[in-house]
Amino acid sequence: MNILEFRDAFKNYPLISKREIEKHFPGYTADALTRWQKKGYVIKIRNGFYRLSDNKFDRESVLFWVANRLYNPSYVSLQSAFSYYNFIPEGVFQVTSVSAKANRKFSTPEGRFVYKNLKPELIFGYNLVRTEDLVYKLATPEKAVLDFLHLYPQYKTESDMAGLRWNVLETEEKFNYSRAEKYLKVFNSKALSRRYRIFKNYTKNYAII
């Protein structure tokens, strides 16, 4: 395996795992990856994951796809989903996801990836988003909100909701309250139900003003 063969095999891969390298080049040695990193041909993202230096994570869809792969199973949710749906005005400078696995944070050359733990029975309510070349898992608007209110219980008043600078017009267009309330039953949490009612009152009342 030389760098030309490696580049040709993985030129269309935003992220390359060791498993994929072993599949393409059985018996490869890690020394080659180390040399190529020093020469700037390959960039290590985290243990077991690399990218070609020419293949940058330059699109949101690539970052979301990478987030799914770095810590699997997981799906993009929370603040990153809010930004995707234009529920909050600011760009998000890290990719936030949820997983049935333990909380983790990865600081990589391409940005920060944060994963929050949910019980296995709460891992639902996401779509497969297809782009021209990638497919990734993203929370529905309703599940992203419930994940957030569940994991950040400090957001419990309308003032707290206002602090997020929530875009209620986008909520009117994209948020399905009936679906959210079906999801809410799975959480089976009175405290979360109270916080959700406050969120609902805030978004509906503010939209009328």
N, C-alpha and C. Protein backbone atom coordinates (compact mmCIF):
# COMPACT_ATOMS: atom_id res chain seq x y z
N MET A 1 0.85 -1.19 0.00
CA MET A 1 0.00 0.00 0.00
C MET A 1 0.88 1.24 0.00
N ASN A 2 0.72 2.09 -1.00
CA ASN A 2 1.41 3.37 -1.01
C ASN A 2 0.38 4.49 -1.01
N ILE A 3 0.85 5.72 -0.90
CA ILE A 3 -0.08 6.84 -0.72
C ILE A 3 -0.96 7.04 -1.95
N LEU A 4 -0.45 6.75 -3.16
CA LEU A 4 -1.26 6.90 -4.36
C LEU A 4 -2.40 5.89 -4.36
N GLU A 5 -2.10 4.64 -3.97
CA GLU A 5 -3.14 3.61 -3.89
C GLU A 5 -4.17 3.97 -2.81
N PHE A 6 -3.67 4.48 -1.69
CA PHE A 6 -4.54 4.86 -0.58
C PHE A 6 -5.48 5.99 -1.00
N ARG A 7 -4.92 6.99 -1.63
CA ARG A 7 -5.74 8.13 -2.10
C ARG A 7 -6.78 7.68 -3.11
N ASP A 8 -6.39 6.79 -4.02
CA ASP A 8 -7.32 6.33 -5.04
C ASP A 8 -8.47 5.54 -4.40
N ALA A 9 -8.16 4.74 -3.38
CA ALA A 9 -9.18 3.91 -2.73
C ALA A 9 -10.17 4.75 -1.92
N PHE A 10 -9.68 5.85 -1.33
CA PHE A 10 -10.51 6.59 -0.37
C PHE A 10 -10.79 8.04 -0.79
N LYS A 11 -10.63 8.35 -2.06
CA LYS A 11 -10.79 9.74 -2.50
C LYS A 11 -12.21 10.27 -2.28
N ASN A 12 -13.18 9.38 -2.23
CA ASN A 12 -14.58 9.81 -2.05
C ASN A 12 -15.09 9.59 -0.63
N TYR A 13 -14.20 9.30 0.31
CA TYR A 13 -14.58 9.04 1.69
C TYR A 13 -14.33 10.29 2.54
N PRO A 14 -15.36 10.91 3.10
CA PRO A 14 -15.10 12.03 4.01
C PRO A 14 -14.35 11.57 5.27
N LEU A 15 -14.62 10.36 5.71
CA LEU A 15 -14.01 9.81 6.91
C LEU A 15 -13.61 8.37 6.62
N ILE A 16 -12.43 7.98 7.06
CA ILE A 16 -11.90 6.64 6.79
C ILE A 16 -11.66 5.94 8.12
N SER A 17 -12.23 4.77 8.30
CA SER A 17 -12.02 4.01 9.53
C SER A 17 -10.92 2.97 9.31
N LYS A 18 -10.32 2.53 10.40
CA LYS A 18 -9.31 1.47 10.32
C LYS A 18 -9.89 0.20 9.71
N ARG A 19 -11.16 -0.06 10.04
CA ARG A 19 -11.82 -1.25 9.49
C ARG A 19 -11.88 -1.19 7.98
N GLU A 20 -12.16 0.00 7.43
CA GLU A 20 -12.21 0.15 5.98
C GLU A 20 -10.83 0.01 5.36
N ILE A 21 -9.81 0.52 6.06
CA ILE A 21 -8.44 0.36 5.56
C ILE A 21 -8.06 -1.12 5.53
N GLU A 22 -8.38 -1.84 6.59
CA GLU A 22 -8.06 -3.28 6.65
C GLU A 22 -8.80 -4.05 5.56
N LYS A 23 -10.01 -3.62 5.24
CA LYS A 23 -10.79 -4.29 4.19
C LYS A 23 -10.15 -4.09 2.82
N HIS A 24 -9.70 -2.86 2.55
CA HIS A 24 -9.10 -2.57 1.26
C HIS A 24 -7.67 -3.06 1.15
N PHE A 25 -6.94 -3.00 2.26
CA PHE A 25 -5.51 -3.34 2.25
C PHE A 25 -5.20 -4.30 3.40
N PRO A 26 -5.57 -5.57 3.26
CA PRO A 26 -5.30 -6.54 4.33
C PRO A 26 -3.80 -6.60 4.66
N GLY A 27 -3.50 -6.62 5.95
CA GLY A 27 -2.11 -6.70 6.37
C GLY A 27 -1.36 -5.39 6.36
N TYR A 28 -2.09 -4.27 6.19
CA TYR A 28 -1.41 -2.97 6.21
C TYR A 28 -0.79 -2.73 7.58
N THR A 29 0.20 -1.87 7.65
CA THR A 29 0.82 -1.52 8.93
C THR A 29 0.46 -0.08 9.30
N ALA A 30 0.29 0.15 10.60
CA ALA A 30 -0.04 1.50 11.07
C ALA A 30 1.10 2.48 10.84
N ASP A 31 2.31 1.96 10.63
CA ASP A 31 3.46 2.85 10.39
C ASP A 31 3.22 3.75 9.18
N ALA A 32 2.55 3.21 8.17
CA ALA A 32 2.29 4.00 6.97
C ALA A 32 1.41 5.20 7.30
N LEU A 33 0.37 4.98 8.10
CA LEU A 33 -0.50 6.08 8.48
C LEU A 33 0.26 7.14 9.29
N THR A 34 1.14 6.69 10.16
CA THR A 34 1.94 7.62 10.96
C THR A 34 2.83 8.48 10.06
N ARG A 35 3.48 7.84 9.09
CA ARG A 35 4.35 8.58 8.15
C ARG A 35 3.53 9.59 7.35
N TRP A 36 2.37 9.17 6.88
CA TRP A 36 1.56 10.05 6.05
C TRP A 36 0.98 11.21 6.85
N GLN A 37 0.73 10.98 8.12
CA GLN A 37 0.29 12.09 8.97
C GLN A 37 1.40 13.13 9.09
N LYS A 38 2.63 12.67 9.30
CA LYS A 38 3.76 13.59 9.44
C LYS A 38 3.99 14.38 8.16
N LYS A 39 3.71 13.76 7.02
CA LYS A 39 3.90 14.44 5.75
C LYS A 39 2.70 15.29 5.35
N GLY A 40 1.61 15.21 6.12
CA GLY A 40 0.44 16.02 5.83
C GLY A 40 -0.52 15.44 4.81
N TYR A 41 -0.32 14.16 4.45
CA TYR A 41 -1.22 13.54 3.50
C TYR A 41 -2.54 13.10 4.15
N VAL A 42 -2.43 12.70 5.42
CA VAL A 42 -3.57 12.13 6.15
C VAL A 42 -3.70 12.87 7.48
N ILE A 43 -4.92 13.10 7.91
CA ILE A 43 -5.18 13.75 9.20
C ILE A 43 -5.94 12.78 10.10
N LYS A 44 -5.44 12.62 11.31
CA LYS A 44 -6.13 11.76 12.28
C LYS A 44 -7.25 12.57 12.94
N ILE A 45 -8.47 12.05 12.90
CA ILE A 45 -9.62 12.72 13.49
C ILE A 45 -9.77 12.29 14.95
N ARG A 46 -9.76 11.02 15.20
CA ARG A 46 -9.67 10.44 16.55
C ARG A 46 -9.18 9.03 16.37
N ASN A 47 -8.94 8.32 17.46
CA ASN A 47 -8.42 6.96 17.35
C ASN A 47 -9.29 6.12 16.41
N GLY A 48 -8.64 5.59 15.39
CA GLY A 48 -9.33 4.70 14.46
C GLY A 48 -10.01 5.39 13.30
N PHE A 49 -9.94 6.72 13.22
CA PHE A 49 -10.61 7.46 12.14
C PHE A 49 -9.67 8.51 11.56
N TYR A 50 -9.67 8.60 10.23
CA TYR A 50 -8.78 9.50 9.52
C TYR A 50 -9.52 10.15 8.35
N ARG A 51 -8.88 11.16 7.78
CA ARG A 51 -9.35 11.69 6.51
C ARG A 51 -8.16 12.09 5.66
N LEU A 52 -8.33 12.06 4.37
CA LEU A 52 -7.32 12.62 3.47
C LEU A 52 -7.28 14.13 3.66
N SER A 53 -6.11 14.71 3.62
CA SER A 53 -5.99 16.15 3.90
C SER A 53 -6.78 16.99 2.91
N ASP A 54 -7.03 16.47 1.72
CA ASP A 54 -7.79 17.21 0.70
C ASP A 54 -9.30 17.15 0.93
N ASN A 55 -9.76 16.18 1.71
CA ASN A 55 -11.20 15.98 1.90
C ASN A 55 -11.65 16.60 3.21
N LYS A 56 -11.91 17.89 3.19
CA LYS A 56 -12.28 18.61 4.42
C LYS A 56 -13.77 18.44 4.73
N PHE A 57 -14.10 18.59 6.02
CA PHE A 57 -15.49 18.54 6.45
C PHE A 57 -16.09 19.93 6.23
N ASP A 58 -16.35 20.25 4.97
CA ASP A 58 -16.70 21.63 4.62
C ASP A 58 -18.19 21.86 4.43
N ARG A 59 -19.01 20.87 4.77
CA ARG A 59 -20.46 21.02 4.65
C ARG A 59 -21.12 20.51 5.92
N GLU A 60 -22.27 21.09 6.27
CA GLU A 60 -23.01 20.63 7.44
C GLU A 60 -23.36 19.16 7.30
N SER A 61 -23.76 18.74 6.11
CA SER A 61 -24.14 17.34 5.91
C SER A 61 -22.97 16.40 6.18
N VAL A 62 -21.76 16.81 5.81
CA VAL A 62 -20.59 15.98 6.08
C VAL A 62 -20.33 15.89 7.59
N LEU A 63 -20.42 17.03 8.28
CA LEU A 63 -20.23 17.03 9.73
C LEU A 63 -21.25 16.14 10.43
N PHE A 64 -22.50 16.20 9.99
CA PHE A 64 -23.53 15.37 10.61
C PHE A 64 -23.29 13.89 10.33
N TRP A 65 -22.89 13.57 9.11
CA TRP A 65 -22.57 12.18 8.75
C TRP A 65 -21.39 11.68 9.58
N VAL A 66 -20.38 12.51 9.71
CA VAL A 66 -19.21 12.14 10.51
C VAL A 66 -19.61 11.93 11.96
N ALA A 67 -20.46 12.80 12.49
CA ALA A 67 -20.93 12.67 13.87
C ALA A 67 -21.59 11.31 14.11
N ASN A 68 -22.41 10.88 13.15
CA ASN A 68 -23.04 9.56 13.25
C ASN A 68 -22.01 8.45 13.32
N ARG A 69 -20.95 8.58 12.57
CA ARG A 69 -19.96 7.50 12.46
C ARG A 69 -18.94 7.49 13.60
N LEU A 70 -18.59 8.66 14.11
CA LEU A 70 -17.56 8.71 15.16
C LEU A 70 -18.00 7.98 16.43
N TYR A 71 -19.28 8.00 16.70
CA TYR A 71 -19.80 7.39 17.93
C TYR A 71 -21.14 6.78 17.58
N ASN A 72 -21.13 5.50 17.31
CA ASN A 72 -22.28 4.82 16.75
C ASN A 72 -22.79 3.75 17.71
N PRO A 73 -24.12 3.64 17.90
CA PRO A 73 -25.20 4.38 17.24
C PRO A 73 -25.47 5.72 17.90
N SER A 74 -25.79 6.69 17.09
CA SER A 74 -26.15 8.02 17.58
C SER A 74 -26.93 8.74 16.48
N TYR A 75 -27.57 9.85 16.83
CA TYR A 75 -28.18 10.70 15.82
C TYR A 75 -28.02 12.15 16.25
N VAL A 76 -27.95 13.05 15.29
CA VAL A 76 -27.77 14.48 15.55
C VAL A 76 -29.07 15.03 16.14
N SER A 77 -28.95 15.81 17.22
CA SER A 77 -30.12 16.36 17.90
C SER A 77 -29.71 17.64 18.62
N LEU A 78 -30.56 18.08 19.56
CA LEU A 78 -30.25 19.20 20.45
C LEU A 78 -29.94 20.46 19.64
N GLN A 79 -28.91 21.21 20.05
CA GLN A 79 -28.65 22.51 19.44
C GLN A 79 -28.34 22.41 17.94
N SER A 80 -27.66 21.35 17.53
CA SER A 80 -27.36 21.21 16.10
C SER A 80 -28.63 21.03 15.28
N ALA A 81 -29.57 20.26 15.80
CA ALA A 81 -30.85 20.12 15.11
C ALA A 81 -31.62 21.44 15.11
N PHE A 82 -31.57 22.16 16.23
CA PHE A 82 -32.24 23.47 16.28
C PHE A 82 -31.70 24.39 15.19
N SER A 83 -30.40 24.41 15.04
CA SER A 83 -29.79 25.25 14.02
C SER A 83 -30.20 24.80 12.62
N TYR A 84 -30.22 23.50 12.40
CA TYR A 84 -30.61 22.94 11.09
C TYR A 84 -32.02 23.38 10.72
N TYR A 85 -32.94 23.35 11.69
CA TYR A 85 -34.33 23.72 11.43
C TYR A 85 -34.58 25.23 11.55
N ASN A 86 -33.53 25.99 11.79
CA ASN A 86 -33.62 27.45 11.95
C ASN A 86 -34.49 27.84 13.15
N PHE A 87 -34.48 27.01 14.18
CA PHE A 87 -35.19 27.35 15.41
C PHE A 87 -34.42 28.35 16.25
N ILE A 88 -33.11 28.37 16.12
CA ILE A 88 -32.29 29.34 16.83
C ILE A 88 -31.45 30.08 15.79
N PRO A 89 -31.14 31.35 16.05
CA PRO A 89 -30.49 32.17 15.01
C PRO A 89 -28.99 31.92 14.88
N GLU A 90 -28.34 31.49 15.95
CA GLU A 90 -26.89 31.36 15.91
C GLU A 90 -26.47 30.06 15.24
N GLY A 91 -25.30 30.12 14.58
CA GLY A 91 -24.68 28.89 14.15
C GLY A 91 -24.16 28.14 15.37
N VAL A 92 -24.07 26.84 15.26
CA VAL A 92 -23.59 26.02 16.37
C VAL A 92 -22.16 25.59 16.06
N PHE A 93 -21.25 25.83 17.01
CA PHE A 93 -19.83 25.59 16.74
C PHE A 93 -19.36 24.22 17.20
N GLN A 94 -20.31 23.35 17.49
CA GLN A 94 -20.00 21.96 17.75
C GLN A 94 -21.20 21.14 17.28
N VAL A 95 -20.99 19.88 16.98
CA VAL A 95 -22.09 19.03 16.55
C VAL A 95 -22.59 18.26 17.77
N THR A 96 -23.87 18.41 18.07
CA THR A 96 -24.46 17.78 19.24
C THR A 96 -25.34 16.61 18.82
N SER A 97 -25.17 15.49 19.50
CA SER A 97 -25.90 14.27 19.19
C SER A 97 -26.35 13.60 20.47
N VAL A 98 -27.22 12.61 20.34
CA VAL A 98 -27.60 11.77 21.46
C VAL A 98 -27.30 10.32 21.11
N SER A 99 -27.07 9.53 22.15
CA SER A 99 -26.72 8.12 21.97
C SER A 99 -27.14 7.34 23.20
N ALA A 100 -27.37 6.06 23.03
CA ALA A 100 -27.64 5.19 24.18
C ALA A 100 -26.35 4.85 24.92
N LYS A 101 -25.21 5.22 24.35
CA LYS A 101 -23.92 4.99 25.00
C LYS A 101 -23.60 6.15 25.95
N ALA A 102 -22.50 6.05 26.64
CA ALA A 102 -22.12 7.05 27.65
C ALA A 102 -21.86 8.42 27.01
N ASN A 103 -21.98 9.47 27.83
CA ASN A 103 -21.64 10.83 27.38
C ASN A 103 -20.20 10.85 26.88
N ARG A 104 -19.97 11.50 25.76
CA ARG A 104 -18.61 11.64 25.24
C ARG A 104 -18.45 12.98 24.56
N LYS A 105 -17.21 13.46 24.50
CA LYS A 105 -16.85 14.66 23.76
C LYS A 105 -15.57 14.37 23.00
N PHE A 106 -15.54 14.72 21.73
CA PHE A 106 -14.35 14.54 20.92
C PHE A 106 -13.94 15.90 20.34
N SER A 107 -12.77 16.36 20.69
CA SER A 107 -12.21 17.56 20.07
C SER A 107 -11.30 17.10 18.95
N THR A 108 -11.61 17.45 17.73
CA THR A 108 -10.88 16.97 16.57
C THR A 108 -10.34 18.16 15.77
N PRO A 109 -9.46 17.91 14.82
CA PRO A 109 -8.99 19.00 13.97
C PRO A 109 -10.11 19.67 13.17
N GLU A 110 -11.26 19.00 13.06
CA GLU A 110 -12.37 19.52 12.27
C GLU A 110 -13.50 20.09 13.13
N GLY A 111 -13.30 20.12 14.45
CA GLY A 111 -14.35 20.64 15.31
C GLY A 111 -14.65 19.70 16.46
N ARG A 112 -15.63 20.10 17.27
CA ARG A 112 -15.98 19.37 18.48
C ARG A 112 -17.28 18.60 18.25
N PHE A 113 -17.29 17.36 18.72
CA PHE A 113 -18.46 16.51 18.61
C PHE A 113 -18.86 16.09 20.01
N VAL A 114 -20.12 16.39 20.39
CA VAL A 114 -20.62 16.13 21.75
C VAL A 114 -21.77 15.15 21.67
N TYR A 115 -21.75 14.16 22.57
CA TYR A 115 -22.78 13.13 22.60
C TYR A 115 -23.35 13.05 24.01
N LYS A 116 -24.69 13.14 24.10
CA LYS A 116 -25.38 13.05 25.37
C LYS A 116 -26.12 11.72 25.45
N ASN A 117 -26.09 11.12 26.63
CA ASN A 117 -26.71 9.82 26.82
C ASN A 117 -28.22 9.91 27.00
N LEU A 118 -28.93 9.02 26.32
CA LEU A 118 -30.34 8.77 26.55
C LEU A 118 -30.53 7.28 26.79
N LYS A 119 -31.54 6.92 27.55
CA LYS A 119 -31.86 5.51 27.73
C LYS A 119 -32.17 4.88 26.37
N PRO A 120 -31.84 3.60 26.21
CA PRO A 120 -32.08 2.95 24.90
C PRO A 120 -33.51 3.11 24.39
N GLU A 121 -34.49 3.07 25.30
CA GLU A 121 -35.89 3.17 24.85
C GLU A 121 -36.25 4.57 24.34
N LEU A 122 -35.36 5.55 24.57
CA LEU A 122 -35.61 6.91 24.10
C LEU A 122 -34.87 7.22 22.79
N ILE A 123 -34.20 6.22 22.25
CA ILE A 123 -33.51 6.41 20.97
C ILE A 123 -34.50 6.13 19.84
N PHE A 124 -35.24 7.16 19.48
CA PHE A 124 -36.22 7.08 18.40
C PHE A 124 -36.49 8.52 17.96
N GLY A 125 -37.35 8.66 16.97
CA GLY A 125 -37.75 10.01 16.56
C GLY A 125 -36.71 10.72 15.72
N TYR A 126 -36.06 9.99 14.83
CA TYR A 126 -35.10 10.64 13.92
C TYR A 126 -35.41 10.19 12.49
N ASN A 127 -34.97 10.99 11.56
CA ASN A 127 -35.13 10.69 10.13
C ASN A 127 -33.77 10.38 9.51
N LEU A 128 -33.81 9.66 8.41
CA LEU A 128 -32.62 9.49 7.58
C LEU A 128 -32.65 10.60 6.53
N VAL A 129 -31.71 11.50 6.64
CA VAL A 129 -31.63 12.64 5.71
C VAL A 129 -30.66 12.27 4.59
N ARG A 130 -31.13 12.36 3.38
CA ARG A 130 -30.32 11.97 2.22
C ARG A 130 -29.88 13.22 1.46
N THR A 131 -28.60 13.31 1.23
CA THR A 131 -28.05 14.33 0.35
C THR A 131 -27.59 13.63 -0.92
N GLU A 132 -26.94 14.35 -1.77
CA GLU A 132 -26.51 13.75 -3.04
C GLU A 132 -25.59 12.55 -2.81
N ASP A 133 -24.75 12.63 -1.78
CA ASP A 133 -23.73 11.59 -1.60
C ASP A 133 -23.70 10.96 -0.21
N LEU A 134 -24.55 11.41 0.72
CA LEU A 134 -24.48 10.93 2.09
C LEU A 134 -25.88 10.71 2.66
N VAL A 135 -25.94 9.88 3.70
CA VAL A 135 -27.17 9.67 4.46
C VAL A 135 -26.81 9.76 5.93
N TYR A 136 -27.54 10.57 6.69
CA TYR A 136 -27.25 10.67 8.12
C TYR A 136 -28.55 10.73 8.92
N LYS A 137 -28.44 10.44 10.21
CA LYS A 137 -29.59 10.42 11.10
C LYS A 137 -29.71 11.75 11.84
N LEU A 138 -30.91 12.33 11.76
CA LEU A 138 -31.17 13.64 12.37
C LEU A 138 -32.52 13.59 13.09
N ALA A 139 -32.55 14.10 14.31
CA ALA A 139 -33.80 14.14 15.07
C ALA A 139 -34.86 14.93 14.32
N THR A 140 -36.11 14.49 14.45
CA THR A 140 -37.22 15.31 13.98
C THR A 140 -37.27 16.58 14.83
N PRO A 141 -37.92 17.62 14.36
CA PRO A 141 -38.02 18.84 15.19
C PRO A 141 -38.59 18.55 16.58
N GLU A 142 -39.61 17.71 16.63
CA GLU A 142 -40.27 17.42 17.90
C GLU A 142 -39.34 16.66 18.85
N LYS A 143 -38.62 15.69 18.32
CA LYS A 143 -37.74 14.90 19.18
C LYS A 143 -36.54 15.72 19.64
N ALA A 144 -36.04 16.59 18.78
CA ALA A 144 -34.92 17.45 19.18
C ALA A 144 -35.31 18.31 20.38
N VAL A 145 -36.53 18.86 20.36
CA VAL A 145 -37.00 19.69 21.47
C VAL A 145 -37.14 18.86 22.74
N LEU A 146 -37.75 17.69 22.63
CA LEU A 146 -37.93 16.85 23.82
C LEU A 146 -36.59 16.34 24.36
N ASP A 147 -35.68 15.98 23.47
CA ASP A 147 -34.34 15.59 23.92
C ASP A 147 -33.70 16.72 24.72
N PHE A 148 -33.83 17.94 24.20
CA PHE A 148 -33.21 19.09 24.85
C PHE A 148 -33.85 19.36 26.21
N LEU A 149 -35.17 19.40 26.27
CA LEU A 149 -35.85 19.68 27.54
C LEU A 149 -35.59 18.58 28.57
N HIS A 150 -35.41 17.37 28.09
CA HIS A 150 -35.11 16.24 28.98
C HIS A 150 -33.69 16.34 29.54
N LEU A 151 -32.75 16.69 28.68
CA LEU A 151 -31.34 16.69 29.08
C LEU A 151 -30.89 18.00 29.72
N TYR A 152 -31.67 19.06 29.53
CA TYR A 152 -31.35 20.37 30.12
C TYR A 152 -32.55 20.86 30.93
N PRO A 153 -32.79 20.25 32.09
CA PRO A 153 -33.99 20.59 32.88
C PRO A 153 -33.99 22.01 33.42
N GLN A 154 -32.86 22.72 33.32
CA GLN A 154 -32.82 24.10 33.79
C GLN A 154 -33.69 25.03 32.93
N TYR A 155 -34.06 24.57 31.73
CA TYR A 155 -34.96 25.36 30.88
C TYR A 155 -36.40 25.02 31.27
N LYS A 156 -36.94 25.80 32.21
CA LYS A 156 -38.24 25.44 32.79
C LYS A 156 -39.20 26.61 32.91
N THR A 157 -38.85 27.76 32.37
CA THR A 157 -39.76 28.92 32.38
C THR A 157 -39.80 29.52 30.98
N GLU A 158 -40.81 30.36 30.75
CA GLU A 158 -40.89 31.03 29.46
C GLU A 158 -39.70 31.97 29.26
N SER A 159 -39.21 32.54 30.34
CA SER A 159 -38.02 33.39 30.26
C SER A 159 -36.81 32.59 29.79
N ASP A 160 -36.69 31.35 30.30
CA ASP A 160 -35.61 30.48 29.85
C ASP A 160 -35.73 30.21 28.35
N MET A 161 -36.95 29.95 27.90
CA MET A 161 -37.16 29.69 26.47
C MET A 161 -36.79 30.92 25.65
N ALA A 162 -37.16 32.10 26.15
CA ALA A 162 -36.84 33.34 25.43
C ALA A 162 -35.34 33.53 25.32
N GLY A 163 -34.61 33.04 26.34
CA GLY A 163 -33.16 33.16 26.32
C GLY A 163 -32.50 32.41 25.18
N LEU A 164 -33.20 31.43 24.63
CA LEU A 164 -32.69 30.69 23.48
C LEU A 164 -32.85 31.48 22.18
N ARG A 165 -33.60 32.60 22.25
CA ARG A 165 -33.92 33.41 21.07
C ARG A 165 -34.63 32.54 20.03
N TRP A 166 -35.63 31.83 20.51
CA TRP A 166 -36.34 30.84 19.71
C TRP A 166 -37.12 31.50 18.57
N ASN A 167 -37.05 30.91 17.39
CA ASN A 167 -37.75 31.43 16.22
C ASN A 167 -39.14 30.78 16.16
N VAL A 168 -40.12 31.47 16.71
CA VAL A 168 -41.46 30.88 16.80
C VAL A 168 -42.14 30.77 15.43
N LEU A 169 -41.77 31.59 14.49
CA LEU A 169 -42.35 31.50 13.15
C LEU A 169 -41.93 30.21 12.47
N GLU A 170 -40.67 29.82 12.64
CA GLU A 170 -40.22 28.54 12.11
C GLU A 170 -40.91 27.39 12.83
N THR A 171 -41.17 27.56 14.13
CA THR A 171 -41.86 26.53 14.90
C THR A 171 -43.25 26.30 14.34
N GLU A 172 -43.96 27.39 14.05
CA GLU A 172 -45.30 27.27 13.47
C GLU A 172 -45.28 26.44 12.19
N GLU A 173 -44.24 26.63 11.42
CA GLU A 173 -44.17 25.97 10.11
C GLU A 173 -43.72 24.52 10.22
N LYS A 174 -42.80 24.22 11.14
CA LYS A 174 -42.12 22.92 11.11
C LYS A 174 -42.44 21.99 12.28
N PHE A 175 -43.01 22.52 13.37
CA PHE A 175 -43.16 21.73 14.58
C PHE A 175 -44.57 21.16 14.66
N ASN A 176 -44.67 19.85 14.87
CA ASN A 176 -45.94 19.16 14.97
C ASN A 176 -46.21 18.85 16.44
N TYR A 177 -47.10 19.62 17.07
CA TYR A 177 -47.35 19.45 18.51
C TYR A 177 -47.99 18.09 18.81
N SER A 178 -48.83 17.61 17.93
CA SER A 178 -49.46 16.30 18.16
C SER A 178 -48.41 15.19 18.17
N ARG A 179 -47.46 15.26 17.25
CA ARG A 179 -46.40 14.25 17.22
C ARG A 179 -45.54 14.36 18.48
N ALA A 180 -45.24 15.59 18.88
CA ALA A 180 -44.43 15.78 20.09
C ALA A 180 -45.11 15.15 21.30
N GLU A 181 -46.43 15.28 21.37
CA GLU A 181 -47.14 14.76 22.54
C GLU A 181 -47.22 13.23 22.52
N LYS A 182 -47.19 12.63 21.34
CA LYS A 182 -47.08 11.17 21.25
C LYS A 182 -45.69 10.72 21.73
N TYR A 183 -44.66 11.44 21.28
CA TYR A 183 -43.31 11.14 21.74
C TYR A 183 -43.20 11.29 23.25
N LEU A 184 -43.86 12.31 23.78
CA LEU A 184 -43.77 12.64 25.20
C LEU A 184 -44.23 11.46 26.06
N LYS A 185 -45.21 10.72 25.60
CA LYS A 185 -45.73 9.59 26.37
C LYS A 185 -44.65 8.52 26.58
N VAL A 186 -43.75 8.39 25.64
CA VAL A 186 -42.68 7.40 25.76
C VAL A 186 -41.71 7.78 26.88
N PHE A 187 -41.46 9.08 27.05
CA PHE A 187 -40.58 9.54 28.13
C PHE A 187 -41.18 9.25 29.50
N ASN A 188 -42.52 9.33 29.58
CA ASN A 188 -43.22 9.01 30.84
C ASN A 188 -42.64 9.80 32.02
N SER A 189 -42.56 11.12 31.84
CA SER A 189 -41.97 11.99 32.86
C SER A 189 -42.89 13.18 33.10
N LYS A 190 -43.38 13.31 34.32
CA LYS A 190 -44.23 14.45 34.65
C LYS A 190 -43.45 15.76 34.58
N ALA A 191 -42.19 15.73 35.03
CA ALA A 191 -41.37 16.95 35.00
C ALA A 191 -41.14 17.40 33.56
N LEU A 192 -40.84 16.46 32.67
CA LEU A 192 -40.64 16.82 31.27
C LEU A 192 -41.95 17.32 30.66
N SER A 193 -43.06 16.70 31.03
CA SER A 193 -44.36 17.16 30.52
C SER A 193 -44.63 18.60 30.92
N ARG A 194 -44.27 18.97 32.13
CA ARG A 194 -44.46 20.35 32.58
C ARG A 194 -43.59 21.30 31.75
N ARG A 195 -42.35 20.93 31.54
CA ARG A 195 -41.46 21.79 30.76
C ARG A 195 -41.94 21.90 29.31
N TYR A 196 -42.44 20.80 28.78
CA TYR A 196 -42.96 20.84 27.41
C TYR A 196 -44.17 21.77 27.31
N ARG A 197 -45.07 21.74 28.31
CA ARG A 197 -46.23 22.63 28.28
C ARG A 197 -45.81 24.09 28.30
N ILE A 198 -44.76 24.39 29.05
CA ILE A 198 -44.24 25.77 29.09
C ILE A 198 -43.68 26.15 27.71
N PHE A 199 -42.93 25.23 27.11
CA PHE A 199 -42.41 25.46 25.75
C PHE A 199 -43.56 25.70 24.77
N LYS A 200 -44.59 24.86 24.84
CA LYS A 200 -45.73 24.99 23.93
C LYS A 200 -46.44 26.32 24.13
N ASN A 201 -46.68 26.68 25.38
CA ASN A 201 -47.35 27.96 25.66
C ASN A 201 -46.52 29.13 25.14
N TYR A 202 -45.21 29.06 25.37
CA TYR A 202 -44.34 30.14 24.92
C TYR A 202 -44.39 30.28 23.40
N THR A 203 -44.21 29.19 22.68
CA THR A 203 -44.14 29.28 21.21
C THR A 203 -45.48 29.69 20.62
N LYS A 204 -46.56 29.16 21.16
CA LYS A 204 -47.88 29.52 20.62
C LYS A 204 -48.27 30.96 20.98
N ASN A 205 -48.06 31.36 22.23
CA ASN A 205 -48.44 32.71 22.63
C ASN A 205 -47.59 33.76 21.94
N TYR A 206 -46.31 33.51 21.83
CA TYR A 206 -45.40 34.48 21.21
C TYR A 206 -45.73 34.64 19.73
N ALA A 207 -46.16 33.52 19.11
CA ALA A 207 -46.47 33.58 17.67
C ALA A 207 -47.68 34.46 17.40
N ILE A 208 -48.55 34.60 18.39
CA ILE A 208 -49.77 35.40 18.21
C ILE A 208 -49.49 36.89 18.33
N ILE A 209 -48.50 37.24 19.16
CA ILE A 209 -48.21 38.65 19.44
C ILE A 209 -47.72 39.37 18.18
